[in-house]
């Protein structure tokens, strides 16, 4: 049900992770920018986890919580 959205978010997470790793390995970055990217990465991971939970379970409580957290 949510497979396409999950795949899209996983791709975005992987791309962001690669950018963060690259910045950290070179040491060329602004702290604020890196922190914002890490925050985005965390949000993506949380959304992926919630959608996977919704996709794998028909648990009504999990569905309501996921909708609340992702703003749907």
N, C-alpha and C. Protein backbone atom coordinates (compact mmCIF):
# COMPACT_ATOMS: atom_id res chain seq x y z
N UNK A 1 0.80 -1.18 0.00
CA UNK A 1 0.00 0.00 0.00
C UNK A 1 0.86 1.26 0.00
N UNK A 2 1.89 1.31 0.81
CA UNK A 2 2.75 2.48 0.92
C UNK A 2 4.12 2.26 0.27
N UNK A 3 4.27 1.19 -0.48
CA UNK A 3 5.58 0.80 -0.99
C UNK A 3 6.27 1.90 -1.81
N UNK A 4 5.53 2.58 -2.69
CA UNK A 4 6.14 3.61 -3.53
C UNK A 4 6.64 4.78 -2.70
N UNK A 5 5.85 5.21 -1.73
CA UNK A 5 6.25 6.32 -0.87
C UNK A 5 7.47 5.92 -0.03
N UNK A 6 7.44 4.71 0.50
CA UNK A 6 8.57 4.22 1.30
C UNK A 6 9.84 4.21 0.45
N UNK A 7 9.75 3.70 -0.76
CA UNK A 7 10.92 3.64 -1.66
C UNK A 7 11.46 5.04 -1.94
N UNK A 8 10.56 5.97 -2.22
CA UNK A 8 10.97 7.35 -2.48
C UNK A 8 11.70 7.94 -1.27
N UNK A 9 11.14 7.73 -0.08
CA UNK A 9 11.76 8.25 1.14
C UNK A 9 13.10 7.57 1.43
N UNK A 10 13.19 6.28 1.17
CA UNK A 10 14.46 5.57 1.36
C UNK A 10 15.54 6.11 0.42
N UNK A 11 15.16 6.38 -0.82
CA UNK A 11 16.12 6.96 -1.78
C UNK A 11 16.58 8.34 -1.32
N UNK A 12 15.62 9.16 -0.85
CA UNK A 12 15.97 10.50 -0.36
C UNK A 12 16.87 10.40 0.87
N UNK A 13 16.59 9.45 1.75
CA UNK A 13 17.39 9.25 2.96
C UNK A 13 18.82 8.84 2.58
N UNK A 14 18.93 7.92 1.65
CA UNK A 14 20.25 7.44 1.22
C UNK A 14 21.06 8.58 0.59
N UNK A 15 20.41 9.38 -0.25
CA UNK A 15 21.11 10.50 -0.90
C UNK A 15 21.56 11.52 0.14
N UNK A 16 20.71 11.82 1.09
CA UNK A 16 21.06 12.77 2.14
C UNK A 16 22.18 12.21 3.01
N UNK A 17 22.11 10.93 3.32
CA UNK A 17 23.15 10.29 4.11
C UNK A 17 24.51 10.37 3.40
N UNK A 18 24.49 10.16 2.10
CA UNK A 18 25.72 10.24 1.31
C UNK A 18 26.30 11.66 1.35
N UNK A 19 25.43 12.66 1.22
CA UNK A 19 25.90 14.06 1.29
C UNK A 19 26.49 14.38 2.66
N UNK A 20 25.82 13.93 3.71
CA UNK A 20 26.30 14.18 5.08
C UNK A 20 27.65 13.51 5.29
N UNK A 21 27.76 12.25 4.89
CA UNK A 21 29.03 11.53 5.03
C UNK A 21 30.15 12.23 4.28
N UNK A 22 29.85 12.71 3.08
CA UNK A 22 30.84 13.43 2.28
C UNK A 22 31.30 14.71 2.95
N UNK A 23 30.35 15.44 3.49
CA UNK A 23 30.69 16.69 4.17
C UNK A 23 31.54 16.41 5.41
N UNK A 24 31.15 15.40 6.17
CA UNK A 24 31.89 15.08 7.39
C UNK A 24 33.29 14.56 7.08
N UNK A 25 33.43 13.81 5.99
CA UNK A 25 34.74 13.25 5.67
C UNK A 25 35.71 14.32 5.19
N UNK A 26 35.19 15.36 4.55
CA UNK A 26 36.08 16.43 4.10
C UNK A 26 36.31 17.48 5.17
N UNK A 27 35.38 17.57 6.11
CA UNK A 27 35.49 18.58 7.15
C UNK A 27 35.10 19.96 6.67
N UNK A 28 34.56 20.05 5.44
CA UNK A 28 34.18 21.32 4.86
C UNK A 28 32.65 21.44 4.94
N UNK A 29 32.19 22.11 5.98
CA UNK A 29 30.76 22.31 6.15
C UNK A 29 30.52 23.35 7.23
N UNK A 30 29.33 23.92 7.20
CA UNK A 30 28.89 24.81 8.26
C UNK A 30 28.07 23.97 9.23
N UNK A 31 28.31 24.18 10.51
CA UNK A 31 27.60 23.40 11.53
C UNK A 31 26.09 23.48 11.37
N UNK A 32 25.59 24.68 11.11
CA UNK A 32 24.15 24.87 10.98
C UNK A 32 23.59 24.06 9.83
N UNK A 33 24.28 24.10 8.70
CA UNK A 33 23.83 23.36 7.52
C UNK A 33 23.85 21.85 7.79
N UNK A 34 24.92 21.39 8.39
CA UNK A 34 25.03 19.96 8.69
C UNK A 34 23.95 19.52 9.68
N UNK A 35 23.70 20.34 10.68
CA UNK A 35 22.67 19.99 11.66
C UNK A 35 21.28 19.95 11.02
N UNK A 36 21.01 20.88 10.10
CA UNK A 36 19.72 20.87 9.39
C UNK A 36 19.57 19.61 8.55
N UNK A 37 20.65 19.21 7.89
CA UNK A 37 20.61 18.01 7.07
C UNK A 37 20.40 16.76 7.94
N UNK A 38 21.04 16.73 9.08
CA UNK A 38 20.87 15.60 9.98
C UNK A 38 19.44 15.55 10.52
N UNK A 39 18.87 16.71 10.77
CA UNK A 39 17.49 16.77 11.22
C UNK A 39 16.54 16.25 10.13
N UNK A 40 16.79 16.66 8.89
CA UNK A 40 16.00 16.16 7.75
C UNK A 40 16.12 14.65 7.64
N UNK A 41 17.34 14.16 7.78
CA UNK A 41 17.59 12.72 7.67
C UNK A 41 16.82 11.96 8.75
N UNK A 42 16.83 12.48 9.95
CA UNK A 42 16.09 11.86 11.04
C UNK A 42 14.59 11.86 10.76
N UNK A 43 14.08 12.97 10.27
CA UNK A 43 12.65 13.05 9.94
C UNK A 43 12.29 12.02 8.87
N UNK A 44 13.13 11.90 7.85
CA UNK A 44 12.88 10.91 6.80
C UNK A 44 12.85 9.50 7.38
N UNK A 45 13.82 9.20 8.24
CA UNK A 45 13.89 7.87 8.85
C UNK A 45 12.65 7.59 9.69
N UNK A 46 12.20 8.57 10.44
CA UNK A 46 11.00 8.39 11.25
C UNK A 46 9.78 8.16 10.38
N UNK A 47 9.67 8.91 9.30
CA UNK A 47 8.53 8.73 8.40
C UNK A 47 8.58 7.36 7.73
N UNK A 48 9.76 6.92 7.33
CA UNK A 48 9.92 5.58 6.73
C UNK A 48 9.48 4.52 7.73
N UNK A 49 9.97 4.62 8.96
CA UNK A 49 9.61 3.64 9.99
C UNK A 49 8.11 3.59 10.22
N UNK A 50 7.49 4.75 10.29
CA UNK A 50 6.05 4.79 10.52
C UNK A 50 5.26 4.20 9.35
N UNK A 51 5.65 4.55 8.15
CA UNK A 51 4.96 4.01 6.98
C UNK A 51 5.14 2.50 6.87
N UNK A 52 6.34 2.02 7.19
CA UNK A 52 6.56 0.57 7.18
C UNK A 52 5.68 -0.11 8.23
N UNK A 53 5.57 0.51 9.38
CA UNK A 53 4.71 -0.05 10.43
C UNK A 53 3.26 -0.08 9.96
N UNK A 54 2.81 1.00 9.34
CA UNK A 54 1.44 1.05 8.82
C UNK A 54 1.24 0.02 7.73
N UNK A 55 2.24 -0.13 6.90
CA UNK A 55 2.15 -1.05 5.77
C UNK A 55 2.10 -2.50 6.23
N UNK A 56 2.75 -2.80 7.32
CA UNK A 56 2.86 -4.17 7.81
C UNK A 56 1.82 -4.51 8.88
N UNK A 57 1.05 -3.54 9.26
CA UNK A 57 0.11 -3.79 10.35
C UNK A 57 -1.19 -3.04 10.10
N UNK A 58 -2.26 -3.63 10.54
CA UNK A 58 -3.55 -2.97 10.44
C UNK A 58 -3.95 -2.43 11.80
N UNK A 59 -2.95 -2.22 12.61
CA UNK A 59 -3.17 -1.71 13.95
C UNK A 59 -3.67 -0.26 13.87
N UNK A 60 -4.87 -0.05 14.29
CA UNK A 60 -5.51 1.27 14.19
C UNK A 60 -4.74 2.34 14.97
N UNK A 61 -4.20 2.00 16.10
CA UNK A 61 -3.47 2.98 16.90
C UNK A 61 -2.21 3.44 16.16
N UNK A 62 -1.48 2.51 15.57
CA UNK A 62 -0.27 2.85 14.82
C UNK A 62 -0.61 3.73 13.63
N UNK A 63 -1.71 3.45 12.96
CA UNK A 63 -2.12 4.23 11.81
C UNK A 63 -2.45 5.66 12.21
N UNK A 64 -3.20 5.84 13.30
CA UNK A 64 -3.53 7.19 13.76
C UNK A 64 -2.29 7.96 14.18
N UNK A 65 -1.38 7.30 14.87
CA UNK A 65 -0.14 7.96 15.31
C UNK A 65 0.71 8.36 14.10
N UNK A 66 0.83 7.48 13.13
CA UNK A 66 1.63 7.79 11.95
C UNK A 66 1.03 8.95 11.18
N UNK A 67 -0.27 8.97 11.01
CA UNK A 67 -0.92 10.08 10.31
C UNK A 67 -0.69 11.39 11.05
N UNK A 68 -0.76 11.35 12.36
CA UNK A 68 -0.53 12.56 13.15
C UNK A 68 0.91 13.05 12.97
N UNK A 69 1.87 12.14 13.00
CA UNK A 69 3.28 12.53 12.94
C UNK A 69 3.71 13.00 11.55
N UNK A 70 3.11 12.45 10.49
CA UNK A 70 3.52 12.87 9.14
C UNK A 70 2.59 13.92 8.57
N UNK A 71 1.63 14.35 9.37
CA UNK A 71 0.78 15.45 8.97
C UNK A 71 -0.26 15.14 7.94
N UNK A 72 -0.63 13.88 7.81
CA UNK A 72 -1.66 13.52 6.82
C UNK A 72 -3.03 13.65 7.42
